[in-house]
């Protein structure tokens, strides 16, 4: 049996193993890092500074669907100094690229009960899934 006949199946096996493992997750924390290019199956983590003690919260206005799929609700992490009341922390969302296409991930920072007041901050990011 020729060496080609032995190497071909091994090569195919290695290629299929690589195809099943998406590249590293993308961590995003600023609009300046946009647009974001992802592969189907790749994870995206978005972290934005937040201070819920002021009443302001980040709200997902557009979740870039169907290109992205949410992997759960927002997770807020408090600052390291536990004795500092009212300190800002980080709000984090996790998504996974699910369908090829282009979409916009948009979040607004406002008090949820003040719907008529423009947000004090917005986050817009074009997402391209290949």
N, C-alpha and C. Protein backbone atom coordinates (compact mmCIF):
# COMPACT_ATOMS: atom_id res chain seq x y z
N UNK A 1 0.85 -1.18 0.00
CA UNK A 1 0.00 0.00 0.00
C UNK A 1 0.90 1.24 0.00
N UNK A 2 0.55 2.21 -0.81
CA UNK A 2 1.39 3.41 -0.92
C UNK A 2 1.19 4.31 0.31
N UNK A 3 2.21 5.13 0.55
CA UNK A 3 2.13 6.05 1.70
C UNK A 3 1.02 7.08 1.51
N UNK A 4 0.69 7.40 0.24
CA UNK A 4 -0.40 8.35 -0.03
C UNK A 4 -1.72 7.82 0.51
N UNK A 5 -1.95 6.55 0.33
CA UNK A 5 -3.21 5.95 0.79
C UNK A 5 -3.31 5.97 2.31
N UNK A 6 -2.20 5.96 2.98
CA UNK A 6 -2.22 6.02 4.44
C UNK A 6 -2.33 7.46 4.94
N UNK A 7 -1.66 8.37 4.25
CA UNK A 7 -1.66 9.76 4.69
C UNK A 7 -2.97 10.49 4.39
N UNK A 8 -3.64 10.16 3.33
CA UNK A 8 -4.88 10.85 2.96
C UNK A 8 -5.93 10.75 4.06
N UNK A 9 -6.24 9.57 4.60
CA UNK A 9 -7.25 9.51 5.68
C UNK A 9 -6.81 10.26 6.94
N UNK A 10 -5.52 10.19 7.26
CA UNK A 10 -5.02 10.90 8.44
C UNK A 10 -5.16 12.40 8.24
N UNK A 11 -4.83 12.88 7.05
CA UNK A 11 -4.97 14.30 6.74
C UNK A 11 -6.41 14.77 6.84
N UNK A 12 -7.33 13.99 6.31
CA UNK A 12 -8.76 14.33 6.40
C UNK A 12 -9.24 14.35 7.84
N UNK A 13 -8.76 13.41 8.62
CA UNK A 13 -9.14 13.36 10.03
C UNK A 13 -8.66 14.61 10.76
N UNK A 14 -7.43 15.04 10.49
CA UNK A 14 -6.91 16.25 11.12
C UNK A 14 -7.67 17.50 10.68
N UNK A 15 -8.00 17.59 9.41
CA UNK A 15 -8.76 18.74 8.92
C UNK A 15 -10.15 18.79 9.55
N UNK A 16 -10.80 17.65 9.68
CA UNK A 16 -12.14 17.66 10.28
C UNK A 16 -12.07 18.03 11.76
N UNK A 17 -11.01 17.64 12.44
CA UNK A 17 -10.85 18.01 13.85
C UNK A 17 -10.68 19.51 13.99
N UNK A 18 -9.93 20.13 13.09
CA UNK A 18 -9.74 21.58 13.12
C UNK A 18 -11.04 22.30 12.82
N UNK A 19 -11.83 21.78 11.93
CA UNK A 19 -13.09 22.43 11.54
C UNK A 19 -14.10 22.41 12.67
N UNK A 20 -13.99 21.48 13.58
CA UNK A 20 -14.97 21.37 14.66
C UNK A 20 -14.66 22.30 15.83
N UNK A 21 -13.49 22.88 15.86
CA UNK A 21 -13.12 23.76 16.96
C UNK A 21 -13.00 25.18 16.46
N UNK A 22 -14.00 26.03 16.74
CA UNK A 22 -13.93 27.42 16.29
C UNK A 22 -12.71 28.11 16.88
N UNK A 23 -12.32 29.19 16.26
CA UNK A 23 -11.18 29.94 16.75
C UNK A 23 -11.48 30.53 18.13
N UNK A 24 -10.49 31.16 18.69
CA UNK A 24 -10.59 31.73 20.03
C UNK A 24 -11.76 32.70 20.17
N UNK A 25 -12.34 32.80 21.36
CA UNK A 25 -13.41 33.78 21.58
C UNK A 25 -12.90 35.21 21.38
N UNK A 26 -13.78 36.08 20.95
CA UNK A 26 -13.44 37.49 20.76
C UNK A 26 -13.94 38.26 21.98
N UNK A 27 -13.06 39.05 22.58
CA UNK A 27 -13.45 39.87 23.72
C UNK A 27 -13.50 41.32 23.25
N UNK A 28 -14.64 41.93 23.48
CA UNK A 28 -14.91 43.28 22.98
C UNK A 28 -15.24 44.17 24.17
N UNK A 29 -14.61 45.35 24.24
CA UNK A 29 -14.93 46.27 25.33
C UNK A 29 -14.92 47.73 24.90
N UNK A 30 -14.90 47.97 23.59
CA UNK A 30 -14.95 49.35 23.10
C UNK A 30 -15.49 49.37 21.68
N UNK A 31 -16.23 50.41 21.37
CA UNK A 31 -16.79 50.58 20.03
C UNK A 31 -15.68 50.70 18.98
N UNK A 32 -14.53 51.17 19.39
CA UNK A 32 -13.42 51.33 18.46
C UNK A 32 -12.89 50.00 17.93
N UNK A 33 -13.28 48.90 18.57
CA UNK A 33 -12.86 47.56 18.13
C UNK A 33 -13.81 46.98 17.07
N UNK A 34 -14.76 47.78 16.64
CA UNK A 34 -15.75 47.32 15.67
C UNK A 34 -15.38 47.82 14.28
N UNK A 35 -15.79 47.15 13.23
CA UNK A 35 -16.65 45.98 13.17
C UNK A 35 -15.92 44.72 13.66
N UNK A 36 -16.71 43.71 14.02
CA UNK A 36 -16.19 42.44 14.51
C UNK A 36 -16.47 41.38 13.46
N UNK A 37 -15.46 40.59 13.13
CA UNK A 37 -15.59 39.50 12.17
C UNK A 37 -15.47 38.18 12.91
N UNK A 38 -16.49 37.34 12.78
CA UNK A 38 -16.54 36.07 13.48
C UNK A 38 -16.79 34.92 12.51
N UNK A 39 -16.46 33.72 12.96
CA UNK A 39 -16.78 32.51 12.21
C UNK A 39 -17.95 31.85 12.92
N UNK A 40 -18.76 31.11 12.19
CA UNK A 40 -19.88 30.40 12.80
C UNK A 40 -19.34 29.53 13.93
N UNK A 41 -19.98 29.62 15.09
CA UNK A 41 -19.56 28.86 16.27
C UNK A 41 -18.63 29.62 17.19
N UNK A 42 -18.07 30.71 16.74
CA UNK A 42 -17.13 31.49 17.55
C UNK A 42 -17.89 32.30 18.60
N UNK A 43 -17.31 32.42 19.79
CA UNK A 43 -17.93 33.15 20.89
C UNK A 43 -17.49 34.61 20.88
N UNK A 44 -18.39 35.47 21.35
CA UNK A 44 -18.13 36.90 21.49
C UNK A 44 -18.52 37.30 22.90
N UNK A 45 -17.62 37.97 23.59
CA UNK A 45 -17.88 38.47 24.94
C UNK A 45 -17.79 39.99 24.89
N UNK A 46 -18.83 40.67 25.36
CA UNK A 46 -18.87 42.13 25.38
C UNK A 46 -18.94 42.60 26.82
N UNK A 47 -17.98 43.44 27.23
CA UNK A 47 -17.95 43.99 28.58
C UNK A 47 -17.93 45.51 28.51
N UNK A 48 -18.88 46.14 29.23
CA UNK A 48 -18.97 47.60 29.25
C UNK A 48 -19.03 48.09 30.69
N UNK A 49 -18.41 49.26 30.98
CA UNK A 49 -18.48 49.81 32.33
C UNK A 49 -19.92 50.15 32.68
N UNK A 50 -20.29 49.85 33.91
CA UNK A 50 -21.67 50.03 34.34
C UNK A 50 -21.71 50.38 35.83
N UNK A 51 -22.72 51.16 36.21
CA UNK A 51 -22.90 51.51 37.62
C UNK A 51 -24.39 51.48 37.95
N UNK A 52 -24.94 50.29 38.22
CA UNK A 52 -26.37 50.17 38.50
C UNK A 52 -26.85 50.97 39.70
N UNK A 53 -25.94 51.34 40.62
CA UNK A 53 -26.36 52.10 41.81
C UNK A 53 -26.90 53.48 41.42
N UNK A 54 -26.61 53.96 40.22
CA UNK A 54 -27.11 55.25 39.75
C UNK A 54 -28.49 55.12 39.08
N UNK A 55 -28.92 53.88 38.88
CA UNK A 55 -30.18 53.63 38.19
C UNK A 55 -30.00 53.37 36.71
N UNK A 56 -28.82 53.67 36.19
CA UNK A 56 -28.55 53.44 34.77
C UNK A 56 -28.16 51.99 34.54
N UNK A 57 -28.68 51.45 33.44
CA UNK A 57 -28.36 50.07 33.06
C UNK A 57 -28.15 50.00 31.56
N UNK A 58 -27.28 49.10 31.13
CA UNK A 58 -27.16 48.81 29.70
C UNK A 58 -28.32 47.90 29.31
N UNK A 59 -28.97 48.23 28.23
CA UNK A 59 -30.07 47.41 27.72
C UNK A 59 -29.77 47.05 26.27
N UNK A 60 -29.93 45.78 25.94
CA UNK A 60 -29.71 45.33 24.57
C UNK A 60 -30.90 45.78 23.74
N UNK A 61 -30.65 46.66 22.80
CA UNK A 61 -31.70 47.16 21.92
C UNK A 61 -31.79 46.33 20.64
N UNK A 62 -30.63 45.86 20.17
CA UNK A 62 -30.58 44.99 19.00
C UNK A 62 -29.48 43.96 19.25
N UNK A 63 -29.86 42.69 19.28
CA UNK A 63 -28.92 41.62 19.62
C UNK A 63 -28.23 41.00 18.40
N UNK A 64 -28.23 41.71 17.27
CA UNK A 64 -27.55 41.25 16.05
C UNK A 64 -28.05 39.88 15.60
N UNK A 65 -29.34 39.67 15.74
CA UNK A 65 -29.92 38.40 15.31
C UNK A 65 -30.22 38.45 13.83
N UNK A 66 -30.17 37.41 13.11
CA UNK A 66 -29.90 36.04 13.51
C UNK A 66 -28.42 35.68 13.51
N UNK A 67 -27.53 36.64 13.21
CA UNK A 67 -26.10 36.33 13.15
C UNK A 67 -25.55 35.88 14.50
N UNK A 68 -26.03 36.50 15.58
CA UNK A 68 -25.58 36.14 16.93
C UNK A 68 -26.71 35.50 17.72
N UNK A 69 -26.33 34.62 18.61
CA UNK A 69 -27.28 34.00 19.55
C UNK A 69 -26.78 34.30 20.95
N UNK A 70 -27.68 34.79 21.81
CA UNK A 70 -27.31 35.10 23.18
C UNK A 70 -27.03 33.81 23.96
N UNK A 71 -26.00 33.85 24.79
CA UNK A 71 -25.66 32.69 25.62
C UNK A 71 -26.07 32.90 27.07
N UNK A 72 -26.96 33.86 27.31
CA UNK A 72 -27.44 34.09 28.67
C UNK A 72 -27.62 35.56 28.95
N UNK A 73 -28.12 35.87 30.14
CA UNK A 73 -28.37 37.27 30.50
C UNK A 73 -27.07 37.99 30.85
N UNK A 74 -27.19 39.29 31.02
CA UNK A 74 -26.08 40.14 31.45
C UNK A 74 -25.56 39.64 32.80
N UNK A 75 -24.24 39.70 32.95
CA UNK A 75 -23.61 39.37 34.23
C UNK A 75 -22.87 40.61 34.70
N UNK A 76 -23.21 41.09 35.88
CA UNK A 76 -22.56 42.28 36.44
C UNK A 76 -21.50 41.83 37.43
N UNK A 77 -20.29 42.38 37.30
CA UNK A 77 -19.23 42.09 38.26
C UNK A 77 -18.85 43.39 38.96
N UNK A 78 -18.87 43.32 40.28
CA UNK A 78 -18.59 44.50 41.11
C UNK A 78 -17.09 44.77 41.14
N UNK A 79 -16.72 46.00 41.50
CA UNK A 79 -15.30 46.35 41.58
C UNK A 79 -14.60 45.57 42.70
N UNK A 80 -13.30 45.57 42.65
CA UNK A 80 -12.49 44.87 43.65
C UNK A 80 -12.66 45.45 45.05
N UNK A 81 -12.81 46.79 45.15
CA UNK A 81 -12.94 47.43 46.46
C UNK A 81 -14.37 47.26 46.96
N UNK A 82 -14.61 46.24 47.75
CA UNK A 82 -15.97 45.94 48.20
C UNK A 82 -16.52 46.99 49.16
N UNK A 83 -15.65 47.75 49.82
CA UNK A 83 -16.13 48.73 50.80
C UNK A 83 -16.46 50.08 50.18
N UNK A 84 -16.32 50.23 48.85
CA UNK A 84 -16.61 51.48 48.17
C UNK A 84 -18.03 51.40 47.60
N UNK A 85 -18.96 52.10 48.24
CA UNK A 85 -20.35 52.08 47.82
C UNK A 85 -20.52 52.92 46.56
N UNK A 86 -21.26 52.40 45.60
CA UNK A 86 -21.55 53.15 44.39
C UNK A 86 -20.47 53.13 43.33
N UNK A 87 -19.48 52.27 43.48
CA UNK A 87 -18.41 52.18 42.48
C UNK A 87 -18.91 51.49 41.22
N UNK A 88 -18.34 51.87 40.11
CA UNK A 88 -18.70 51.25 38.84
C UNK A 88 -18.06 49.87 38.71
N UNK A 89 -18.73 49.03 37.95
CA UNK A 89 -18.22 47.69 37.68
C UNK A 89 -18.32 47.42 36.19
N UNK A 90 -18.49 46.15 35.84
CA UNK A 90 -18.60 45.76 34.44
C UNK A 90 -19.84 44.92 34.21
N UNK A 91 -20.54 45.23 33.13
CA UNK A 91 -21.65 44.40 32.67
C UNK A 91 -21.13 43.62 31.47
N UNK A 92 -21.36 42.31 31.48
CA UNK A 92 -20.83 41.44 30.43
C UNK A 92 -21.95 40.60 29.82
N UNK A 93 -21.92 40.50 28.49
CA UNK A 93 -22.85 39.65 27.75
C UNK A 93 -22.02 38.69 26.93
N UNK A 94 -22.56 37.49 26.72
CA UNK A 94 -21.88 36.50 25.88
C UNK A 94 -22.80 36.09 24.74
N UNK A 95 -22.22 35.99 23.57
CA UNK A 95 -22.95 35.61 22.37
C UNK A 95 -22.15 34.55 21.63
N UNK A 96 -22.83 33.88 20.70
CA UNK A 96 -22.16 32.94 19.82
C UNK A 96 -22.61 33.21 18.40
N UNK A 97 -21.66 33.23 17.47
CA UNK A 97 -21.98 33.42 16.06
C UNK A 97 -22.73 32.18 15.58
N UNK A 98 -23.95 32.37 15.09
CA UNK A 98 -24.76 31.21 14.75
C UNK A 98 -25.08 31.07 13.27
N UNK A 99 -25.19 32.19 12.56
CA UNK A 99 -25.59 32.17 11.16
C UNK A 99 -24.75 33.17 10.37
N UNK A 100 -24.24 32.79 9.20
CA UNK A 100 -23.50 33.77 8.39
C UNK A 100 -24.39 34.97 8.04
N UNK A 101 -23.79 36.14 8.08
CA UNK A 101 -24.53 37.35 7.74
C UNK A 101 -23.96 38.56 8.45
N UNK A 102 -24.64 39.70 8.23
CA UNK A 102 -24.24 40.96 8.86
C UNK A 102 -25.39 41.46 9.71
N UNK A 103 -25.06 42.04 10.86
CA UNK A 103 -26.08 42.58 11.76
C UNK A 103 -25.41 43.61 12.66
N UNK A 104 -26.24 44.34 13.43
CA UNK A 104 -25.72 45.35 14.35
C UNK A 104 -26.08 44.97 15.78
N UNK A 105 -25.07 45.00 16.63
CA UNK A 105 -25.26 44.80 18.06
C UNK A 105 -25.35 46.20 18.66
N UNK A 106 -26.51 46.53 19.26
CA UNK A 106 -26.72 47.88 19.79
C UNK A 106 -27.23 47.80 21.22
N UNK A 107 -26.54 48.54 22.10
CA UNK A 107 -26.95 48.65 23.49
C UNK A 107 -27.08 50.11 23.85
N UNK A 108 -28.00 50.42 24.76
CA UNK A 108 -28.19 51.79 25.23
C UNK A 108 -28.04 51.80 26.75
N UNK A 109 -27.48 52.90 27.26
CA UNK A 109 -27.26 53.07 28.69
C UNK A 109 -28.22 54.14 29.18
N UNK A 110 -29.25 53.70 29.89
CA UNK A 110 -30.25 54.64 30.39
C UNK A 110 -30.99 54.03 31.57
N UNK A 111 -31.76 54.87 32.22
CA UNK A 111 -32.61 54.37 33.31
C UNK A 111 -33.83 53.71 32.66
N UNK A 112 -34.12 52.48 33.02
CA UNK A 112 -35.20 51.75 32.35
C UNK A 112 -36.56 52.44 32.42
N UNK A 113 -36.81 53.22 33.44
CA UNK A 113 -38.12 53.87 33.58
C UNK A 113 -38.19 55.21 32.84
N UNK A 114 -37.08 55.68 32.30
CA UNK A 114 -37.06 56.95 31.58
C UNK A 114 -37.03 56.70 30.06
N UNK A 115 -38.06 56.09 29.54
CA UNK A 115 -38.11 55.72 28.12
C UNK A 115 -38.12 56.95 27.19
N UNK A 116 -38.64 58.09 27.66
CA UNK A 116 -38.72 59.29 26.83
C UNK A 116 -37.41 60.08 26.80
N UNK A 117 -36.48 59.75 27.69
CA UNK A 117 -35.20 60.46 27.78
C UNK A 117 -34.17 59.72 26.92
N UNK A 118 -33.45 60.45 26.07
CA UNK A 118 -32.42 59.79 25.26
C UNK A 118 -31.37 59.11 26.14
N UNK A 119 -30.80 58.01 25.67
CA UNK A 119 -29.75 57.34 26.46
C UNK A 119 -28.54 58.25 26.65
N UNK A 120 -27.86 58.09 27.77
CA UNK A 120 -26.67 58.88 28.03
C UNK A 120 -25.47 58.34 27.25
N UNK A 121 -25.59 57.09 26.82
CA UNK A 121 -24.51 56.47 26.05
C UNK A 121 -25.10 55.36 25.19
N UNK A 122 -24.50 55.13 24.03
CA UNK A 122 -24.91 54.02 23.17
C UNK A 122 -23.67 53.23 22.76
N UNK A 123 -23.89 51.99 22.42
CA UNK A 123 -22.83 51.13 21.91
C UNK A 123 -23.37 50.48 20.65
N UNK A 124 -22.75 50.77 19.50
CA UNK A 124 -23.15 50.20 18.21
C UNK A 124 -21.95 49.48 17.61
N UNK A 125 -22.18 48.23 17.21
CA UNK A 125 -21.09 47.45 16.63
C UNK A 125 -21.62 46.59 15.50
N UNK A 126 -21.03 46.75 14.33
CA UNK A 126 -21.39 45.90 13.19
C UNK A 126 -20.73 44.54 13.39
N UNK A 127 -21.51 43.48 13.21
CA UNK A 127 -21.02 42.12 13.37
C UNK A 127 -21.15 41.41 12.03
N UNK A 128 -20.07 40.80 11.60
CA UNK A 128 -20.07 40.04 10.35
C UNK A 128 -19.68 38.61 10.67
N UNK A 129 -20.59 37.68 10.37
CA UNK A 129 -20.32 36.26 10.62
C UNK A 129 -20.12 35.58 9.27
N UNK A 130 -19.03 34.86 9.14
CA UNK A 130 -18.69 34.14 7.90
C UNK A 130 -18.76 32.65 8.09
